[in-house]
Amino acid sequence: MCGVCGCGKGETRLEMGEQAQGHTAHDHRHHDHEHDHGHTHHDHAHVHHDHDHDHSHHDHSHPAPAGDVHSLRDDPSRRAHLVSVEQDILGKNNALAAHNRRHFNSHGVLALNLVSSPGAGKTSLLVASLQRLLPGTTVAVIEGDQETSADADRIRATGAPAIQVNTGRGCHLDAAMIDEAFHRLHVQDGILFIENVGNLVCPAGFDLGEAHKVVIASVTEGEDKPLKYPNMFAASSLMLVSKVDLLPHLDFDVDLLIANARRVNPSIAVIKVSATTGEGIDRWLKWIGAARDMAVASA
C-alpha cells in the first residue's frame, strides 16, 4: 500500500516505447547516454523500485481491526511513524520531480498536469486541443489510468505520440512514472500534456515536475467541488470549466463555481470550454502559449 494515500503499489505498467510512436530500445539507451540526469539508468530503476516496490523499513502490517482504531490514533509513536513514512515517500517523489523539472526545462518542454474527477472530459478536451495544435506544434501525452489504453489510443488517433501508464489500484501518477515515460517519448521544444488519473485528492499532493496543474471542473458536477477538494484547486494555476455546451439543460451556477474556486485560490485563472462546440478552446491554447513563453524566458 502507498504509505501516503493507501492506494495499490507495485502494479504500474507502462507501454513499450514502440507503442507510443515506434521508438526502439536503442533509442532509449541513446537518449540516456546523451542527457545526464544525475544518475544512471540503473540508478533510476532503483529509485523507482524503492518508491513502488520496496519499503522494507516501513510497516507493512495489515490495518488494525475496528477495535484498535483508538490505539492507532492515540499512540504517539505510531503517529510519528506514519508521518515519517509519508515524509519519506513524498521526499523521494519531490526529489525526482525536481529532476523532471530540470529535464523538461533542458529540453524546452512545457509540462502541464491535467487533473479532474472521473468523467470531467479531460480526454475529449485534450483531443480537441491536439487537433488544433497539430501539426504545427510539437506535442506528446502521458496518459494515466488504472486500466486499459483506451485514452492513449484516442490521443494517438490525432497523430500525437502518447504513452499509457496503467496504475492498477493506484489512484495517481507520481514523478517516477513520469520520468520513465518521458524518456520513451523523446520530446524536444514542445508541450507535454500529462493526463492524470481521475481523482481530485491524491494528485494534489504529488508533484510530477510540471510547470502547472490545470484542473478541469465539469458543469455536470457540483458548484461546491472547489470547497470539497480545496487542495487541488489551491495547487492549480488554471481551472477549465468543461462541457459548457450542456448549460442550457442543467441547473448549474457557473458564477458560483468560479467564486468557490477563487475562495480557495484567489489567483486561479478560469476559462469556460466545450470540446463539443469548440467554445473557449482558442483561449485555452493562448493560455498555453503564454505559459510556454514564460517557461522559455525563465529557463
Protein backbone atom coordinates (compact mmCIF):
# COMPACT_ATOMS: atom_id res chain seq x y z
CA MET A 1 0.00 0.00 0.00
CA CYS A 2 1.13 3.56 -0.68
CA GLY A 3 2.13 4.99 2.68
CA VAL A 4 0.61 8.36 1.82
CA CYS A 5 -2.83 7.62 0.40
CA GLY A 6 -3.26 3.85 0.79
CA CYS A 7 -3.52 3.04 -2.93
CA GLY A 8 -2.01 -0.03 -4.56
CA LYS A 9 1.71 -0.23 -5.29
CA GLY A 10 3.81 -2.46 -7.47
CA GLU A 11 1.13 -2.62 -10.16
CA THR A 12 2.23 0.14 -12.54
CA ARG A 13 2.56 -0.81 -16.20
CA LEU A 14 3.97 1.42 -18.94
CA GLU A 15 3.56 0.72 -22.63
CA MET A 16 6.72 -0.05 -24.52
CA GLY A 17 8.08 2.90 -26.48
CA GLU A 18 7.23 1.21 -29.78
CA GLN A 19 3.55 1.56 -28.92
CA ALA A 20 3.94 5.29 -28.41
CA GLN A 21 5.39 6.11 -31.83
CA GLY A 22 7.87 3.44 -32.92
CA HIS A 23 10.72 4.23 -30.51
CA THR A 24 13.15 1.34 -30.09
CA ALA A 25 15.12 0.14 -27.11
CA HIS A 26 18.23 1.52 -28.85
CA ASP A 27 16.58 4.95 -29.00
CA HIS A 28 16.00 4.79 -25.26
CA ARG A 29 19.61 3.88 -24.47
CA HIS A 30 20.90 6.61 -26.79
CA HIS A 31 18.67 9.15 -25.06
CA ASP A 32 20.00 8.17 -21.66
CA HIS A 33 23.56 8.46 -22.94
CA GLU A 34 23.07 11.94 -24.36
CA HIS A 35 21.46 13.56 -21.31
CA ASP A 36 22.91 13.48 -17.81
CA HIS A 37 20.06 13.06 -15.37
CA GLY A 38 22.29 12.87 -12.33
CA HIS A 39 22.03 9.08 -12.13
CA THR A 40 22.48 6.08 -14.34
CA HIS A 41 19.61 4.20 -15.86
CA HIS A 42 20.26 1.53 -13.24
CA ASP A 43 20.02 4.13 -10.51
CA HIS A 44 16.76 5.43 -11.99
CA ALA A 45 15.29 1.97 -11.93
CA HIS A 46 16.44 1.65 -8.34
CA VAL A 47 14.72 4.89 -7.35
CA HIS A 48 11.50 3.77 -8.97
CA HIS A 49 11.82 0.39 -7.34
CA ASP A 50 12.33 1.93 -3.94
CA HIS A 51 9.21 4.04 -4.36
CA ASP A 52 6.90 1.44 -5.75
CA HIS A 53 8.13 -1.91 -4.54
CA ASP A 54 10.49 -1.87 -1.59
CA HIS A 55 9.86 -0.05 1.62
CA SER A 56 11.48 -2.66 3.84
CA HIS A 57 11.94 -0.08 6.58
CA HIS A 58 8.23 0.74 6.53
CA ASP A 59 5.49 -1.01 8.40
CA HIS A 60 3.59 -3.37 6.08
CA SER A 61 1.35 -4.85 8.77
CA HIS A 62 -2.32 -5.19 7.98
CA PRO A 63 -4.62 -2.34 9.03
CA ALA A 64 -5.79 -2.67 12.59
CA PRO A 65 -9.29 -4.03 13.19
CA ALA A 66 -12.01 -1.60 14.13
CA GLY A 67 -11.43 -2.21 17.84
CA ASP A 68 -7.88 -0.90 17.54
CA VAL A 69 -8.69 2.42 15.90
CA HIS A 70 -8.14 4.35 19.12
CA SER A 71 -4.80 2.70 19.71
CA LEU A 72 -3.61 3.84 16.26
CA ARG A 73 -4.90 7.34 16.79
CA ASP A 74 -3.68 7.74 20.36
CA ASP A 75 -0.27 6.07 20.09
CA PRO A 76 2.28 8.89 19.56
CA SER A 77 4.93 6.52 18.26
CA ARG A 78 2.52 5.11 15.67
CA ARG A 79 1.52 8.59 14.54
CA ALA A 80 5.17 9.62 14.32
CA HIS A 81 5.94 6.51 12.25
CA LEU A 82 3.14 7.26 9.79
CA VAL A 83 4.33 10.85 9.43
CA SER A 84 7.87 9.58 8.83
CA VAL A 85 6.67 7.18 6.12
CA GLU A 86 4.70 9.93 4.39
CA GLN A 87 7.63 12.33 4.50
CA ASP A 88 9.94 9.65 3.13
CA ILE A 89 7.67 8.84 0.18
CA LEU A 90 6.90 12.45 -0.66
CA GLY A 91 10.55 13.41 -0.19
CA LYS A 92 11.65 10.83 -2.77
CA ASN A 93 8.87 11.89 -5.11
CA ASN A 94 9.74 15.58 -4.80
CA ALA A 95 13.43 14.93 -5.46
CA LEU A 96 12.58 13.11 -8.68
CA ALA A 97 10.01 15.79 -9.57
CA ALA A 98 12.79 18.38 -9.31
CA HIS A 99 14.86 16.21 -11.65
CA ASN A 100 11.91 16.03 -14.07
CA ARG A 101 11.53 19.80 -13.97
CA ARG A 102 15.20 20.32 -14.84
CA HIS A 103 14.88 17.71 -17.59
CA PHE A 104 11.80 19.39 -19.08
CA ASN A 105 13.49 22.79 -18.98
CA SER A 106 16.66 21.49 -20.63
CA HIS A 107 14.54 20.04 -23.45
CA GLY A 108 12.46 23.19 -23.90
CA VAL A 109 9.30 21.33 -22.82
CA LEU A 110 6.28 22.89 -21.12
CA ALA A 111 4.72 20.17 -18.94
CA LEU A 112 1.07 20.55 -17.92
CA ASN A 113 -0.58 18.22 -15.39
CA LEU A 114 -4.30 17.87 -16.22
CA VAL A 115 -6.36 16.81 -13.21
CA SER A 116 -10.07 16.28 -12.58
CA SER A 117 -12.73 13.97 -11.25
CA PRO A 118 -13.52 10.94 -13.42
CA GLY A 119 -15.73 11.89 -16.35
CA ALA A 120 -14.99 15.62 -16.36
CA GLY A 121 -13.93 15.46 -20.00
CA LYS A 122 -10.12 15.63 -19.81
CA THR A 123 -9.51 13.33 -22.77
CA SER A 124 -12.13 14.92 -25.02
CA LEU A 125 -10.72 18.36 -24.24
CA LEU A 126 -7.20 17.11 -24.90
CA VAL A 127 -8.21 15.60 -28.25
CA ALA A 128 -9.86 18.88 -29.29
CA SER A 129 -6.72 20.78 -28.27
CA LEU A 130 -4.35 18.46 -30.12
CA GLN A 131 -6.42 18.69 -33.28
CA ARG A 132 -5.77 22.44 -33.29
CA LEU A 133 -2.12 22.27 -32.22
CA LEU A 134 -1.05 19.63 -34.75
CA PRO A 135 0.88 19.51 -36.96
CA GLY A 136 2.43 22.90 -36.27
CA THR A 137 3.37 22.28 -32.62
CA THR A 138 5.46 19.50 -31.09
CA VAL A 139 3.30 17.73 -28.53
CA ALA A 140 3.32 14.49 -26.55
CA VAL A 141 0.99 12.97 -23.98
CA ILE A 142 1.39 10.77 -20.92
CA GLU A 143 -1.94 9.12 -20.13
CA GLY A 144 -2.70 7.88 -16.62
CA ASP A 145 -5.50 5.40 -15.96
CA GLN A 146 -5.91 2.46 -13.66
CA GLU A 147 -6.59 0.11 -16.59
CA THR A 148 -6.90 -0.01 -20.42
CA SER A 149 -5.14 2.01 -23.13
CA ALA A 150 -8.40 3.49 -24.46
CA ASP A 151 -7.45 7.12 -23.78
CA ALA A 152 -3.95 6.77 -25.22
CA ASP A 153 -5.48 5.20 -28.34
CA ARG A 154 -7.76 8.24 -28.72
CA ILE A 155 -4.77 10.55 -28.35
CA ARG A 156 -2.65 8.64 -30.90
CA ALA A 157 -5.51 8.87 -33.39
CA THR A 158 -4.83 12.63 -33.54
CA GLY A 159 -1.24 11.96 -34.61
CA ALA A 160 0.28 12.83 -31.24
CA PRO A 161 2.69 10.37 -29.57
CA ALA A 162 1.38 9.01 -26.28
CA ILE A 163 2.47 6.64 -23.53
CA GLN A 164 -0.18 4.91 -21.42
CA VAL A 165 0.60 4.40 -17.74
CA ASN A 166 -1.74 1.94 -16.02
CA THR A 167 -1.57 2.27 -12.26
CA GLY A 168 -3.63 -0.79 -11.28
CA ARG A 169 -5.14 0.09 -7.92
CA GLY A 170 -3.03 3.24 -7.76
CA CYS A 171 -5.02 6.46 -7.71
CA HIS A 172 -2.42 8.91 -9.02
CA LEU A 173 0.67 9.31 -11.15
CA ASP A 174 3.99 10.00 -9.46
CA ALA A 175 7.27 11.57 -10.54
CA ALA A 176 8.99 8.23 -11.16
CA MET A 177 6.28 7.16 -13.62
CA ILE A 178 6.63 10.46 -15.47
CA ASP A 179 10.41 10.19 -15.58
CA GLU A 180 10.28 6.75 -17.17
CA ALA A 181 7.52 7.65 -19.62
CA PHE A 182 9.21 10.89 -20.69
CA HIS A 183 12.42 9.01 -21.51
CA ARG A 184 10.43 6.96 -24.02
CA LEU A 185 8.78 9.93 -25.70
CA HIS A 186 11.88 11.96 -26.63
CA VAL A 187 10.11 15.34 -26.75
CA GLN A 188 12.12 18.45 -27.60
CA ASP A 189 10.90 22.06 -27.78
CA GLY A 190 7.22 21.34 -27.34
CA ILE A 191 4.36 20.67 -24.95
CA LEU A 192 3.92 17.62 -22.71
CA PHE A 193 0.37 17.01 -21.55
CA ILE A 194 0.09 14.71 -18.54
CA GLU A 195 -3.45 13.42 -18.10
CA ASN A 196 -3.56 12.25 -14.51
CA VAL A 197 -5.77 9.54 -13.07
CA GLY A 198 -9.30 10.86 -12.45
CA ASN A 199 -9.10 11.89 -8.79
CA LEU A 200 -9.21 15.28 -7.06
CA VAL A 201 -7.47 14.12 -3.87
CA CYS A 202 -4.12 12.36 -4.21
CA PRO A 203 -2.77 14.02 -7.40
CA ALA A 204 -2.80 17.31 -5.49
CA GLY A 205 -0.03 16.03 -3.22
CA PHE A 206 2.28 14.54 -5.85
CA ASP A 207 4.49 16.95 -7.77
CA LEU A 208 5.37 15.49 -11.18
CA GLY A 209 7.76 18.25 -12.22
CA GLU A 210 5.06 20.05 -14.20
CA ALA A 211 5.06 23.77 -14.81
CA HIS A 212 1.35 24.00 -13.96
CA LYS A 213 -1.54 21.92 -12.71
CA VAL A 214 -4.71 22.54 -14.72
CA VAL A 215 -7.92 21.42 -13.02
CA ILE A 216 -10.94 20.58 -15.16
CA ALA A 217 -14.33 21.03 -13.47
CA SER A 218 -17.38 19.93 -15.43
CA VAL A 219 -20.74 21.67 -15.29
CA THR A 220 -22.24 18.22 -14.67
CA GLU A 221 -20.56 18.27 -11.24
CA GLY A 222 -21.39 20.36 -8.20
CA GLU A 223 -20.54 24.03 -7.80
CA ASP A 224 -19.02 23.17 -4.42
CA LYS A 225 -16.23 20.97 -5.83
CA PRO A 226 -13.52 23.55 -5.01
CA LEU A 227 -14.70 23.69 -1.40
CA LYS A 228 -14.84 19.91 -1.07
CA TYR A 229 -11.41 19.38 -2.66
CA PRO A 230 -9.57 22.61 -1.81
CA ASN A 231 -6.02 21.26 -2.07
CA MET A 232 -6.38 20.52 -5.77
CA PHE A 233 -7.85 23.90 -6.63
CA ALA A 234 -5.29 25.67 -4.45
CA ALA A 235 -2.47 23.87 -6.32
CA SER A 236 -3.82 24.65 -9.80
CA SER A 237 -2.92 27.65 -11.94
CA LEU A 238 -5.97 27.34 -14.19
CA MET A 239 -9.49 25.95 -13.93
CA LEU A 240 -11.14 24.87 -17.17
CA VAL A 241 -14.93 24.77 -16.78
CA SER A 242 -15.81 21.98 -19.20
CA LYS A 243 -18.94 20.87 -21.05
CA VAL A 244 -20.44 24.37 -21.04
CA ASP A 245 -22.50 23.42 -24.10
CA LEU A 246 -24.71 21.47 -21.67
CA LEU A 247 -25.58 24.51 -19.53
CA PRO A 248 -28.98 25.13 -21.18
CA HIS A 249 -30.04 21.67 -19.99
CA LEU A 250 -28.70 21.92 -16.44
CA ASP A 251 -29.43 23.74 -13.21
CA PHE A 252 -25.83 24.82 -12.65
CA ASP A 253 -24.42 28.15 -11.45
CA VAL A 254 -21.08 28.73 -13.22
CA ASP A 255 -20.51 32.01 -11.37
CA LEU A 256 -20.85 30.19 -8.04
CA LEU A 257 -18.33 27.54 -9.14
CA ILE A 258 -15.85 30.27 -10.08
CA ALA A 259 -16.47 32.16 -6.84
CA ASN A 260 -15.85 28.99 -4.82
CA ALA A 261 -12.64 28.29 -6.74
CA ARG A 262 -11.41 31.81 -6.02
CA ARG A 263 -12.31 31.47 -2.33
CA VAL A 264 -9.75 28.66 -2.26
CA ASN A 265 -7.29 30.19 -4.75
CA PRO A 266 -7.81 33.91 -5.45
CA SER A 267 -5.25 33.87 -8.29
CA ILE A 268 -6.64 30.92 -10.25
CA ALA A 269 -7.37 31.70 -13.90
CA VAL A 270 -10.65 30.45 -15.38
CA ILE A 271 -11.65 29.54 -18.94
CA LYS A 272 -15.03 28.10 -19.97
CA VAL A 273 -14.64 25.41 -22.62
CA SER A 274 -16.54 22.87 -24.68
CA ALA A 275 -14.82 20.08 -26.57
CA THR A 276 -18.08 19.59 -28.50
CA THR A 277 -18.60 23.12 -29.84
CA GLY A 278 -15.03 24.40 -29.54
CA GLU A 279 -16.04 27.23 -27.23
CA GLY A 280 -13.08 28.54 -25.27
CA ILE A 281 -10.51 26.24 -26.91
CA ASP A 282 -8.69 29.14 -28.58
CA ARG A 283 -8.46 30.96 -25.23
CA TRP A 284 -7.08 27.78 -23.65
CA LEU A 285 -4.46 27.45 -26.38
CA LYS A 286 -3.48 31.11 -25.94
CA TRP A 287 -3.03 30.45 -22.22
CA ILE A 288 -0.76 27.51 -23.10
CA GLY A 289 1.22 29.73 -25.47
CA ALA A 290 1.71 32.37 -22.80
CA ALA A 291 2.78 29.72 -20.27
CA ARG A 292 5.26 28.32 -22.78
CA ASP A 293 6.71 31.77 -23.50
CA MET A 294 7.11 32.37 -19.76
CA ALA A 295 8.80 29.00 -19.28
CA VAL A 296 11.24 29.69 -22.11
CA ALA A 297 12.03 33.14 -20.73
CA SER A 298 12.76 31.80 -17.28
CA ALA A 299 14.76 28.73 -18.39
